[in-house]
Amino acid sequence: MSWPIKYRALSFIVTVGVTLGEALIIGGPVALVAWIAGLATLTNAALWFAFGAALWSLGIGSYTHIAPPASGPNGSARVSQMKVNR
Protein backbone atom coordinates (compact mmCIF):
# COMPACT_ATOMS: atom_id res chain seq x y z
CA MET A 1 0.00 0.00 0.00
CA SER A 2 1.35 3.42 -0.85
CA TRP A 3 0.99 6.65 1.07
CA PRO A 4 -1.77 9.16 0.29
CA ILE A 5 -0.58 12.09 -1.83
CA LYS A 6 -0.89 14.47 1.15
CA TYR A 7 1.67 12.53 3.21
CA ARG A 8 3.87 11.89 0.20
CA ALA A 9 4.03 15.62 -0.55
CA LEU A 10 4.71 16.46 3.10
CA SER A 11 7.51 13.89 3.22
CA PHE A 12 9.00 15.35 0.03
CA ILE A 13 8.95 18.88 1.49
CA VAL A 14 10.59 17.69 4.71
CA THR A 15 13.27 15.81 2.75
CA VAL A 16 14.06 18.85 0.61
CA GLY A 17 14.22 21.04 3.73
CA VAL A 18 16.59 18.69 5.52
CA THR A 19 18.88 18.32 2.51
CA LEU A 20 18.92 22.11 2.03
CA GLY A 21 20.04 22.39 5.64
CA GLU A 22 22.80 19.86 4.99
CA ALA A 23 23.88 21.80 1.90
CA LEU A 24 23.99 25.00 3.96
CA ILE A 25 26.18 23.37 6.59
CA ILE A 26 28.59 21.96 3.99
CA GLY A 27 28.46 24.47 1.14
CA GLY A 28 28.19 27.71 3.07
CA PRO A 29 31.74 27.66 4.42
CA VAL A 30 33.07 26.53 1.02
CA ALA A 31 31.42 29.50 -0.71
CA LEU A 32 32.72 31.81 2.03
CA VAL A 33 36.29 30.54 1.61
CA ALA A 34 36.04 30.95 -2.17
CA TRP A 35 34.96 34.56 -1.66
CA ILE A 36 37.66 35.30 0.93
CA ALA A 37 40.36 33.68 -1.25
CA GLY A 38 39.32 35.83 -4.19
CA LEU A 39 38.25 32.87 -6.30
CA ALA A 40 34.73 34.24 -6.73
CA THR A 41 32.80 37.39 -6.05
CA LEU A 42 30.27 37.24 -3.25
CA THR A 43 27.42 37.24 -5.79
CA ASN A 44 28.91 34.41 -7.84
CA ALA A 45 29.70 32.34 -4.76
CA ALA A 46 26.14 32.78 -3.48
CA LEU A 47 24.59 31.93 -6.86
CA TRP A 48 26.69 28.80 -7.35
CA PHE A 49 25.99 27.75 -3.79
CA ALA A 50 22.23 28.25 -4.24
CA PHE A 51 22.26 26.34 -7.53
CA GLY A 52 24.24 23.45 -6.05
CA ALA A 53 22.07 23.26 -2.94
CA ALA A 54 18.85 23.23 -4.99
CA LEU A 55 20.20 20.58 -7.34
CA TRP A 56 21.37 18.44 -4.41
CA SER A 57 18.05 18.70 -2.56
CA LEU A 58 15.80 18.09 -5.54
CA GLY A 59 17.97 15.22 -6.71
CA ILE A 60 17.70 13.41 -3.39
CA GLY A 61 14.04 14.29 -2.85
CA SER A 62 12.84 13.29 -6.29
CA TYR A 63 14.76 10.01 -6.31
CA THR A 64 13.41 8.93 -2.95
CA HIS A 65 9.81 10.12 -3.37
CA ILE A 66 8.73 10.22 -6.98
CA ALA A 67 9.91 6.85 -8.25
CA PRO A 68 11.60 4.77 -5.56
CA PRO A 69 13.34 1.65 -6.87
CA ALA A 70 11.59 -1.69 -6.52
CA SER A 71 14.73 -3.32 -5.19
CA GLY A 72 17.67 -2.28 -3.06
CA PRO A 73 21.28 -1.93 -4.20
CA ASN A 74 21.96 -5.63 -3.59
CA GLY A 75 18.86 -6.75 -5.50
CA SER A 76 16.74 -7.50 -2.44
CA ALA A 77 13.13 -6.39 -2.20
CA ARG A 78 12.18 -3.29 -0.23
CA VAL A 79 11.34 -3.79 3.41
CA SER A 80 7.65 -3.05 2.83
CA GLN A 81 7.46 -5.90 0.29
CA MET A 82 9.48 -8.46 2.24
CA LYS A 83 7.79 -11.45 3.80
CA VAL A 84 8.34 -11.79 7.50
CA ASN A 85 9.33 -15.24 8.74
CA ARG A 86 7.59 -16.01 12.00
PDB file of N, CA and C in Angstrom:
ATOM      1  N   MET A   1       0.849  -1.175   0.000  1.00  0.00           N
ATOM      2  CA  MET A   1       0.000   0.000   0.000  1.00  0.00           C
ATOM      3  C   MET A   1       0.895   1.238   0.000  1.00  0.00           C
ATOM      4  N   SER A   2       0.531   2.206  -0.814  1.00  0.00           N
ATOM      5  CA  SER A   2       1.347   3.421  -0.852  1.00  0.00           C
ATOM      6  C   SER A   2       0.691   4.524  -0.014  1.00  0.00           C
ATOM      7  N   TRP A   3       1.479   5.541   0.270  1.00  0.00           N
ATOM      8  CA  TRP A   3       0.993   6.649   1.073  1.00  0.00           C
ATOM      9  C   TRP A   3       0.019   7.510   0.277  1.00  0.00           C
ATOM     10  N   PRO A   4      -0.923   8.170   0.969  1.00  0.00           N
ATOM     11  CA  PRO A   4      -1.769   9.158   0.290  1.00  0.00           C
ATOM     12  C   PRO A   4      -0.902  10.324  -0.200  1.00  0.00           C
ATOM     13  N   ILE A   5      -1.363  11.016  -1.217  1.00  0.00           N
ATOM     14  CA  ILE A   5      -0.579  12.092  -1.835  1.00  0.00           C
ATOM     15  C   ILE A   5      -0.250  13.200  -0.832  1.00  0.00           C
ATOM     16  N   LYS A   6      -1.140  13.440   0.130  1.00  0.00           N
ATOM     17  CA  LYS A   6      -0.886  14.473   1.149  1.00  0.00           C
ATOM     18  C   LYS A   6       0.377  14.156   1.952  1.00  0.00           C
ATOM     19  N   TYR A   7       0.501  12.916   2.422  1.00  0.00           N
ATOM     20  CA  TYR A   7       1.668  12.527   3.213  1.00  0.00           C
ATOM     21  C   TYR A   7       2.919  12.410   2.358  1.00  0.00           C
ATOM     22  N   ARG A   8       2.737  11.986   1.122  1.00  0.00           N
ATOM     23  CA  ARG A   8       3.871  11.887   0.200  1.00  0.00           C
ATOM     24  C   ARG A   8       4.452  13.270  -0.083  1.00  0.00           C
ATOM     25  N   ALA A   9       3.573  14.251  -0.302  1.00  0.00           N
ATOM     26  CA  ALA A   9       4.029  15.624  -0.552  1.00  0.00           C
ATOM     27  C   ALA A   9       4.695  16.212   0.696  1.00  0.00           C
ATOM     28  N   LEU A  10       4.126  15.966   1.856  1.00  0.00           N
ATOM     29  CA  LEU A  10       4.714  16.459   3.098  1.00  0.00           C
ATOM     30  C   LEU A  10       6.095  15.843   3.335  1.00  0.00           C
ATOM     31  N   SER A  11       6.223  14.556   3.069  1.00  0.00           N
ATOM     32  CA  SER A  11       7.508  13.893   3.219  1.00  0.00           C
ATOM     33  C   SER A  11       8.535  14.456   2.238  1.00  0.00           C
ATOM     34  N   PHE A  12       8.102  14.764   1.016  1.00  0.00           N
ATOM     35  CA  PHE A  12       9.002  15.354   0.026  1.00  0.00           C
ATOM     36  C   PHE A  12       9.489  16.723   0.490  1.00  0.00           C
ATOM     37  N   ILE A  13       8.588  17.534   1.018  1.00  0.00           N
ATOM     38  CA  ILE A  13       8.949  18.876   1.493  1.00  0.00           C
ATOM     39  C   ILE A  13       9.923  18.785   2.666  1.00  0.00           C
ATOM     40  N   VAL A  14       9.683  17.866   3.575  1.00  0.00           N
ATOM     41  CA  VAL A  14      10.592  17.692   4.712  1.00  0.00           C
ATOM     42  C   VAL A  14      11.964  17.229   4.233  1.00  0.00           C
ATOM     43  N   THR A  15      11.994  16.296   3.288  1.00  0.00           N
ATOM     44  CA  THR A  15      13.268  15.805   2.753  1.00  0.00           C
ATOM     45  C   THR A  15      14.052  16.926   2.088  1.00  0.00           C
ATOM     46  N   VAL A  16      13.383  17.733   1.281  1.00  0.00           N
ATOM     47  CA  VAL A  16      14.058  18.847   0.615  1.00  0.00           C
ATOM     48  C   VAL A  16      14.562  19.848   1.655  1.00  0.00           C
ATOM     49  N   GLY A  17      13.778  20.121   2.678  1.00  0.00           N
ATOM     50  CA  GLY A  17      14.216  21.039   3.729  1.00  0.00           C
ATOM     51  C   GLY A  17      15.438  20.533   4.475  1.00  0.00           C
ATOM     52  N   VAL A  18      15.445  19.262   4.797  1.00  0.00           N
ATOM     53  CA  VAL A  18      16.588  18.686   5.519  1.00  0.00           C
ATOM     54  C   VAL A  18      17.837  18.710   4.647  1.00  0.00           C
ATOM     55  N   THR A  19      17.711  18.333   3.383  1.00  0.00           N
ATOM     56  CA  THR A  19      18.884  18.325   2.512  1.00  0.00           C
ATOM     57  C   THR A  19      19.367  19.740   2.194  1.00  0.00           C
ATOM     58  N   LEU A  20      18.468  20.716   2.170  1.00  0.00           N
ATOM     59  CA  LEU A  20      18.916  22.108   2.028  1.00  0.00           C
ATOM     60  C   LEU A  20      19.709  22.541   3.254  1.00  0.00           C
ATOM     61  N   GLY A  21      19.283  22.100   4.419  1.00  0.00           N
ATOM     62  CA  GLY A  21      20.039  22.387   5.643  1.00  0.00           C
ATOM     63  C   GLY A  21      21.424  21.761   5.613  1.00  0.00           C
ATOM     64  N   GLU A  22      21.495  20.521   5.118  1.00  0.00           N
ATOM     65  CA  GLU A  22      22.799  19.864   4.991  1.00  0.00           C
ATOM     66  C   GLU A  22      23.685  20.615   4.011  1.00  0.00           C
ATOM     67  N   ALA A  23      23.108  21.055   2.896  1.00  0.00           N
ATOM     68  CA  ALA A  23      23.883  21.801   1.901  1.00  0.00           C
ATOM     69  C   ALA A  23      24.379  23.122   2.482  1.00  0.00           C
ATOM     70  N   LEU A  24      23.572  23.761   3.322  1.00  0.00           N
ATOM     71  CA  LEU A  24      23.985  25.004   3.962  1.00  0.00           C
ATOM     72  C   LEU A  24      25.163  24.770   4.897  1.00  0.00           C
ATOM     73  N   ILE A  25      25.105  23.682   5.653  1.00  0.00           N
ATOM     74  CA  ILE A  25      26.183  23.369   6.592  1.00  0.00           C
ATOM     75  C   ILE A  25      27.483  23.063   5.852  1.00  0.00           C
ATOM     76  N   ILE A  26      27.390  22.358   4.736  1.00  0.00           N
ATOM     77  CA  ILE A  26      28.590  21.963   3.993  1.00  0.00           C
ATOM     78  C   ILE A  26      29.030  23.034   3.000  1.00  0.00           C
ATOM     79  N   GLY A  27      28.103  23.563   2.225  1.00  0.00           N
ATOM     80  CA  GLY A  27      28.461  24.474   1.136  1.00  0.00           C
ATOM     81  C   GLY A  27      28.668  25.910   1.546  1.00  0.00           C
ATOM     82  N   GLY A  28      28.037  26.332   2.617  1.00  0.00           N
ATOM     83  CA  GLY A  28      28.186  27.712   3.065  1.00  0.00           C
ATOM     84  C   GLY A  28      29.630  28.094   3.348  1.00  0.00           C
ATOM     85  N   PRO A  29      30.330  27.338   4.171  1.00  0.00           N
ATOM     86  CA  PRO A  29      31.743  27.657   4.417  1.00  0.00           C
ATOM     87  C   PRO A  29      32.615  27.567   3.168  1.00  0.00           C
ATOM     88  N   VAL A  30      32.297  26.646   2.265  1.00  0.00           N
ATOM     89  CA  VAL A  30      33.067  26.527   1.020  1.00  0.00           C
ATOM     90  C   VAL A  30      32.899  27.785   0.175  1.00  0.00           C
ATOM     91  N   ALA A  31      31.674  28.268   0.050  1.00  0.00           N
ATOM     92  CA  ALA A  31      31.424  29.500  -0.710  1.00  0.00           C
ATOM     93  C   ALA A  31      32.099  30.689  -0.026  1.00  0.00           C
ATOM     94  N   LEU A  32      32.077  30.729   1.290  1.00  0.00           N
ATOM     95  CA  LEU A  32      32.719  31.812   2.029  1.00  0.00           C
ATOM     96  C   LEU A  32      34.230  31.816   1.810  1.00  0.00           C
ATOM     97  N   VAL A  33      34.845  30.642   1.846  1.00  0.00           N
ATOM     98  CA  VAL A  33      36.286  30.543   1.612  1.00  0.00           C
ATOM     99  C   VAL A  33      36.628  30.948   0.184  1.00  0.00           C
ATOM    100  N   ALA A  34      35.799  30.550  -0.778  1.00  0.00           N
ATOM    101  CA  ALA A  34      36.040  30.947  -2.170  1.00  0.00           C
ATOM    102  C   ALA A  34      35.975  32.457  -2.317  1.00  0.00           C
ATOM    103  N   TRP A  35      35.068  33.098  -1.599  1.00  0.00           N
ATOM    104  CA  TRP A  35      34.960  34.557  -1.662  1.00  0.00           C
ATOM    105  C   TRP A  35      36.159  35.218  -0.977  1.00  0.00           C
ATOM    106  N   ILE A  36      36.530  34.720   0.198  1.00  0.00           N
ATOM    107  CA  ILE A  36      37.663  35.295   0.933  1.00  0.00           C
ATOM    108  C   ILE A  36      38.963  35.114   0.150  1.00  0.00           C
ATOM    109  N   ALA A  37      39.136  33.959  -0.497  1.00  0.00           N
ATOM    110  CA  ALA A  37      40.357  33.683  -1.248  1.00  0.00           C
ATOM    111  C   ALA A  37      40.408  34.422  -2.578  1.00  0.00           C
ATOM    112  N   GLY A  38      39.346  35.087  -2.933  1.00  0.00           N
ATOM    113  CA  GLY A  38      39.321  35.829  -4.185  1.00  0.00           C
ATOM    114  C   GLY A  38      39.049  34.967  -5.405  1.00  0.00           C
ATOM    115  N   LEU A  39      38.564  33.752  -5.191  1.00  0.00           N
ATOM    116  CA  LEU A  39      38.248  32.869  -6.304  1.00  0.00           C
ATOM    117  C   LEU A  39      36.902  33.187  -6.940  1.00  0.00           C
ATOM    118  N   ALA A  40      36.053  33.879  -6.217  1.00  0.00           N
ATOM    119  CA  ALA A  40      34.733  34.237  -6.727  1.00  0.00           C
ATOM    120  C   ALA A  40      34.247  35.489  -6.008  1.00  0.00           C
ATOM    121  N   THR A  41      33.427  36.250  -6.709  1.00  0.00           N
ATOM    122  CA  THR A  41      32.801  37.387  -6.047  1.00  0.00           C
ATOM    123  C   THR A  41      31.730  36.848  -5.101  1.00  0.00           C
ATOM    124  N   LEU A  42      31.281  37.680  -4.204  1.00  0.00           N
ATOM    125  CA  LEU A  42      30.267  37.242  -3.250  1.00  0.00           C
ATOM    126  C   LEU A  42      28.986  36.829  -3.976  1.00  0.00           C
ATOM    127  N   THR A  43      28.627  37.562  -5.024  1.00  0.00           N
ATOM    128  CA  THR A  43      27.421  37.243  -5.789  1.00  0.00           C
ATOM    129  C   THR A  43      27.567  35.895  -6.490  1.00  0.00           C
ATOM    130  N   ASN A  44      28.703  35.679  -7.148  1.00  0.00           N
ATOM    131  CA  ASN A  44      28.909  34.408  -7.843  1.00  0.00           C
ATOM    132  C   ASN A  44      28.959  33.237  -6.870  1.00  0.00           C
ATOM    133  N   ALA A  45      29.627  33.411  -5.750  1.00  0.00           N
ATOM    134  CA  ALA A  45      29.702  32.340  -4.761  1.00  0.00           C
ATOM    135  C   ALA A  45      28.310  31.998  -4.239  1.00  0.00           C
ATOM    136  N   ALA A  46      27.499  33.016  -3.969  1.00  0.00           N
ATOM    137  CA  ALA A  46      26.139  32.785  -3.476  1.00  0.00           C
ATOM    138  C   ALA A  46      25.268  32.109  -4.536  1.00  0.00           C
ATOM    139  N   LEU A  47      25.396  32.534  -5.788  1.00  0.00           N
ATOM    140  CA  LEU A  47      24.593  31.933  -6.859  1.00  0.00           C
ATOM    141  C   LEU A  47      24.974  30.476  -7.105  1.00  0.00           C
ATOM    142  N   TRP A  48      26.262  30.188  -7.143  1.00  0.00           N
ATOM    143  CA  TRP A  48      26.695  28.796  -7.345  1.00  0.00           C
ATOM    144  C   TRP A  48      26.301  27.934  -6.163  1.00  0.00           C
ATOM    145  N   PHE A  49      26.398  28.488  -4.972  1.00  0.00           N
ATOM    146  CA  PHE A  49      25.987  27.746  -3.788  1.00  0.00           C
ATOM    147  C   PHE A  49      24.488  27.450  -3.834  1.00  0.00           C
ATOM    148  N   ALA A  50      23.683  28.440  -4.174  1.00  0.00           N
ATOM    149  CA  ALA A  50      22.231  28.250  -4.235  1.00  0.00           C
ATOM    150  C   ALA A  50      21.867  27.216  -5.309  1.00  0.00           C
ATOM    151  N   PHE A  51      22.516  27.295  -6.452  1.00  0.00           N
ATOM    152  CA  PHE A  51      22.257  26.339  -7.533  1.00  0.00           C
ATOM    153  C   PHE A  51      22.633  24.920  -7.101  1.00  0.00           C
ATOM    154  N   GLY A  52      23.795  24.774  -6.502  1.00  0.00           N
ATOM    155  CA  GLY A  52      24.240  23.453  -6.052  1.00  0.00           C
ATOM    156  C   GLY A  52      23.352  22.879  -4.961  1.00  0.00           C
ATOM    157  N   ALA A  53      22.938  23.717  -4.027  1.00  0.00           N
ATOM    158  CA  ALA A  53      22.067  23.259  -2.940  1.00  0.00           C
ATOM    159  C   ALA A  53      20.708  22.820  -3.475  1.00  0.00           C
ATOM    160  N   ALA A  54      20.147  23.595  -4.405  1.00  0.00           N
ATOM    161  CA  ALA A  54      18.852  23.228  -4.985  1.00  0.00           C
ATOM    162  C   ALA A  54      18.954  21.932  -5.778  1.00  0.00           C
ATOM    163  N   LEU A  55      20.010  21.793  -6.556  1.00  0.00           N
ATOM    164  CA  LEU A  55      20.204  20.577  -7.344  1.00  0.00           C
ATOM    165  C   LEU A  55      20.369  19.362  -6.431  1.00  0.00           C
ATOM    166  N   TRP A  56      21.152  19.505  -5.384  1.00  0.00           N
ATOM    167  CA  TRP A  56      21.371  18.438  -4.410  1.00  0.00           C
ATOM    168  C   TRP A  56      20.052  18.011  -3.751  1.00  0.00           C
ATOM    169  N   SER A  57      19.293  18.988  -3.278  1.00  0.00           N
ATOM    170  CA  SER A  57      18.049  18.699  -2.561  1.00  0.00           C
ATOM    171  C   SER A  57      16.999  18.077  -3.463  1.00  0.00           C
ATOM    172  N   LEU A  58      16.809  18.639  -4.636  1.00  0.00           N
ATOM    173  CA  LEU A  58      15.801  18.089  -5.543  1.00  0.00           C
ATOM    174  C   LEU A  58      16.215  16.722  -6.074  1.00  0.00           C
ATOM    175  N   GLY A  59      17.504  16.525  -6.252  1.00  0.00           N
ATOM    176  CA  GLY A  59      17.975  15.216  -6.713  1.00  0.00           C
ATOM    177  C   GLY A  59      17.689  14.126  -5.698  1.00  0.00           C
ATOM    178  N   ILE A  60      17.966  14.397  -4.446  1.00  0.00           N
ATOM    179  CA  ILE A  60      17.698  13.406  -3.394  1.00  0.00           C
ATOM    180  C   ILE A  60      16.199  13.249  -3.182  1.00  0.00           C
ATOM    181  N   GLY A  61      15.482  14.355  -3.106  1.00  0.00           N
ATOM    182  CA  GLY A  61      14.039  14.294  -2.848  1.00  0.00           C
ATOM    183  C   GLY A  61      13.263  13.605  -3.952  1.00  0.00           C
ATOM    184  N   SER A  62      13.584  13.899  -5.195  1.00  0.00           N
ATOM    185  CA  SER A  62      12.839  13.286  -6.292  1.00  0.00           C
ATOM    186  C   SER A  62      13.159  11.807  -6.419  1.00  0.00           C
ATOM    187  N   TYR A  63      14.411  11.431  -6.203  1.00  0.00           N
ATOM    188  CA  TYR A  63      14.762  10.011  -6.311  1.00  0.00           C
ATOM    189  C   TYR A  63      14.066   9.189  -5.242  1.00  0.00           C
ATOM    190  N   THR A  64      13.982   9.710  -4.042  1.00  0.00           N
ATOM    191  CA  THR A  64      13.408   8.926  -2.950  1.00  0.00           C
ATOM    192  C   THR A  64      11.894   9.006  -2.860  1.00  0.00           C
ATOM    193  N   HIS A  65      11.261   9.971  -3.522  1.00  0.00           N
ATOM    194  CA  HIS A  65       9.814  10.120  -3.365  1.00  0.00           C
ATOM    195  C   HIS A  65       9.004   9.937  -4.638  1.00  0.00           C
ATOM    196  N   ILE A  66       9.535  10.297  -5.764  1.00  0.00           N
ATOM    197  CA  ILE A  66       8.729  10.221  -6.983  1.00  0.00           C
ATOM    198  C   ILE A  66       8.709   8.809  -7.543  1.00  0.00           C
ATOM    199  N   ALA A  67       9.860   8.202  -7.688  1.00  0.00           N
ATOM    200  CA  ALA A  67       9.909   6.854  -8.249  1.00  0.00           C
ATOM    201  C   ALA A  67      10.942   6.019  -7.500  1.00  0.00           C
ATOM    202  N   PRO A  68      10.631   5.575  -6.293  1.00  0.00           N
ATOM    203  CA  PRO A  68      11.605   4.771  -5.563  1.00  0.00           C
ATOM    204  C   PRO A  68      11.831   3.436  -6.270  1.00  0.00           C
ATOM    205  N   PRO A  69      13.047   2.914  -6.199  1.00  0.00           N
ATOM    206  CA  PRO A  69      13.337   1.653  -6.872  1.00  0.00           C
ATOM    207  C   PRO A  69      12.596   0.486  -6.228  1.00  0.00           C
ATOM    208  N   ALA A  70      12.304  -0.522  -7.030  1.00  0.00           N
ATOM    209  CA  ALA A  70      11.592  -1.693  -6.522  1.00  0.00           C
ATOM    210  C   ALA A  70      12.510  -2.607  -5.731  1.00  0.00           C
ATOM    211  N   SER A  71      13.811  -2.477  -5.934  1.00  0.00           N
ATOM    212  CA  SER A  71      14.734  -3.319  -5.188  1.00  0.00           C
ATOM    213  C   SER A  71      15.897  -2.487  -4.684  1.00  0.00           C
ATOM    214  N   GLY A  72      16.535  -2.970  -3.647  1.00  0.00           N
ATOM    215  CA  GLY A  72      17.665  -2.278  -3.061  1.00  0.00           C
ATOM    216  C   GLY A  72      18.923  -2.451  -3.893  1.00  0.00           C
ATOM    217  N   PRO A  73      20.040  -1.875  -3.429  1.00  0.00           N
ATOM    218  CA  PRO A  73      21.278  -1.933  -4.197  1.00  0.00           C
ATOM    219  C   PRO A  73      21.824  -3.350  -4.370  1.00  0.00           C
ATOM    220  N   ASN A  74      21.476  -4.249  -3.468  1.00  0.00           N
ATOM    221  CA  ASN A  74      21.962  -5.628  -3.592  1.00  0.00           C
ATOM    222  C   ASN A  74      20.925  -6.542  -4.244  1.00  0.00           C
ATOM    223  N   GLY A  75      19.862  -5.954  -4.802  1.00  0.00           N
ATOM    224  CA  GLY A  75      18.858  -6.745  -5.500  1.00  0.00           C
ATOM    225  C   GLY A  75      17.748  -7.279  -4.622  1.00  0.00           C
ATOM    226  N   SER A  76      17.776  -7.005  -3.325  1.00  0.00           N
ATOM    227  CA  SER A  76      16.735  -7.505  -2.435  1.00  0.00           C
ATOM    228  C   SER A  76      15.505  -6.604  -2.499  1.00  0.00           C
ATOM    229  N   ALA A  77      14.369  -7.151  -2.171  1.00  0.00           N
ATOM    230  CA  ALA A  77      13.129  -6.388  -2.198  1.00  0.00           C
ATOM    231  C   ALA A  77      13.116  -5.352  -1.091  1.00  0.00           C
ATOM    232  N   ARG A  78      12.310  -4.309  -1.281  1.00  0.00           N
ATOM    233  CA  ARG A  78      12.179  -3.289  -0.235  1.00  0.00           C
ATOM    234  C   ARG A  78      11.581  -3.919   1.017  1.00  0.00           C
ATOM    235  N   VAL A  79      11.802  -3.265   2.129  1.00  0.00           N
ATOM    236  CA  VAL A  79      11.336  -3.788   3.409  1.00  0.00           C
ATOM    237  C   VAL A  79       9.821  -3.931   3.416  1.00  0.00           C
ATOM    238  N   SER A  80       9.103  -2.994   2.809  1.00  0.00           N
ATOM    239  CA  SER A  80       7.648  -3.050   2.827  1.00  0.00           C
ATOM    240  C   SER A  80       7.114  -4.232   2.022  1.00  0.00           C
ATOM    241  N   GLN A  81       7.916  -4.800   1.124  1.00  0.00           N
ATOM    242  CA  GLN A  81       7.462  -5.905   0.291  1.00  0.00           C
ATOM    243  C   GLN A  81       8.022  -7.247   0.756  1.00  0.00           C
ATOM    244  N   MET A  82       8.852  -7.228   1.786  1.00  0.00           N
ATOM    245  CA  MET A  82       9.483  -8.461   2.239  1.00  0.00           C
ATOM    246  C   MET A  82       8.498  -9.274   3.086  1.00  0.00           C
ATOM    247  N   LYS A  83       8.595 -10.581   2.965  1.00  0.00           N
ATOM    248  CA  LYS A  83       7.793 -11.454   3.798  1.00  0.00           C
ATOM    249  C   LYS A  83       8.512 -11.651   5.124  1.00  0.00           C
ATOM    250  N   VAL A  84       7.753 -11.637   6.177  1.00  0.00           N
ATOM    251  CA  VAL A  84       8.339 -11.792   7.505  1.00  0.00           C
ATOM    252  C   VAL A  84       8.213 -13.247   7.919  1.00  0.00           C
ATOM    253  N   ASN A  85       9.342 -13.846   8.260  1.00  0.00           N
ATOM    254  CA  ASN A  85       9.329 -15.237   8.740  1.00  0.00           C
ATOM    255  C   ASN A  85       9.013 -15.249  10.225  1.00  0.00           C
ATOM    256  N   ARG A  86       7.976 -15.935  10.588  1.00  0.00           N
ATOM    257  CA  ARG A  86       7.588 -16.009  11.996  1.00  0.00           C
ATOM    258  C   ARG A  86       7.667 -17.418  12.483  1.00  0.00           C
TER     259      ARG A  86
END
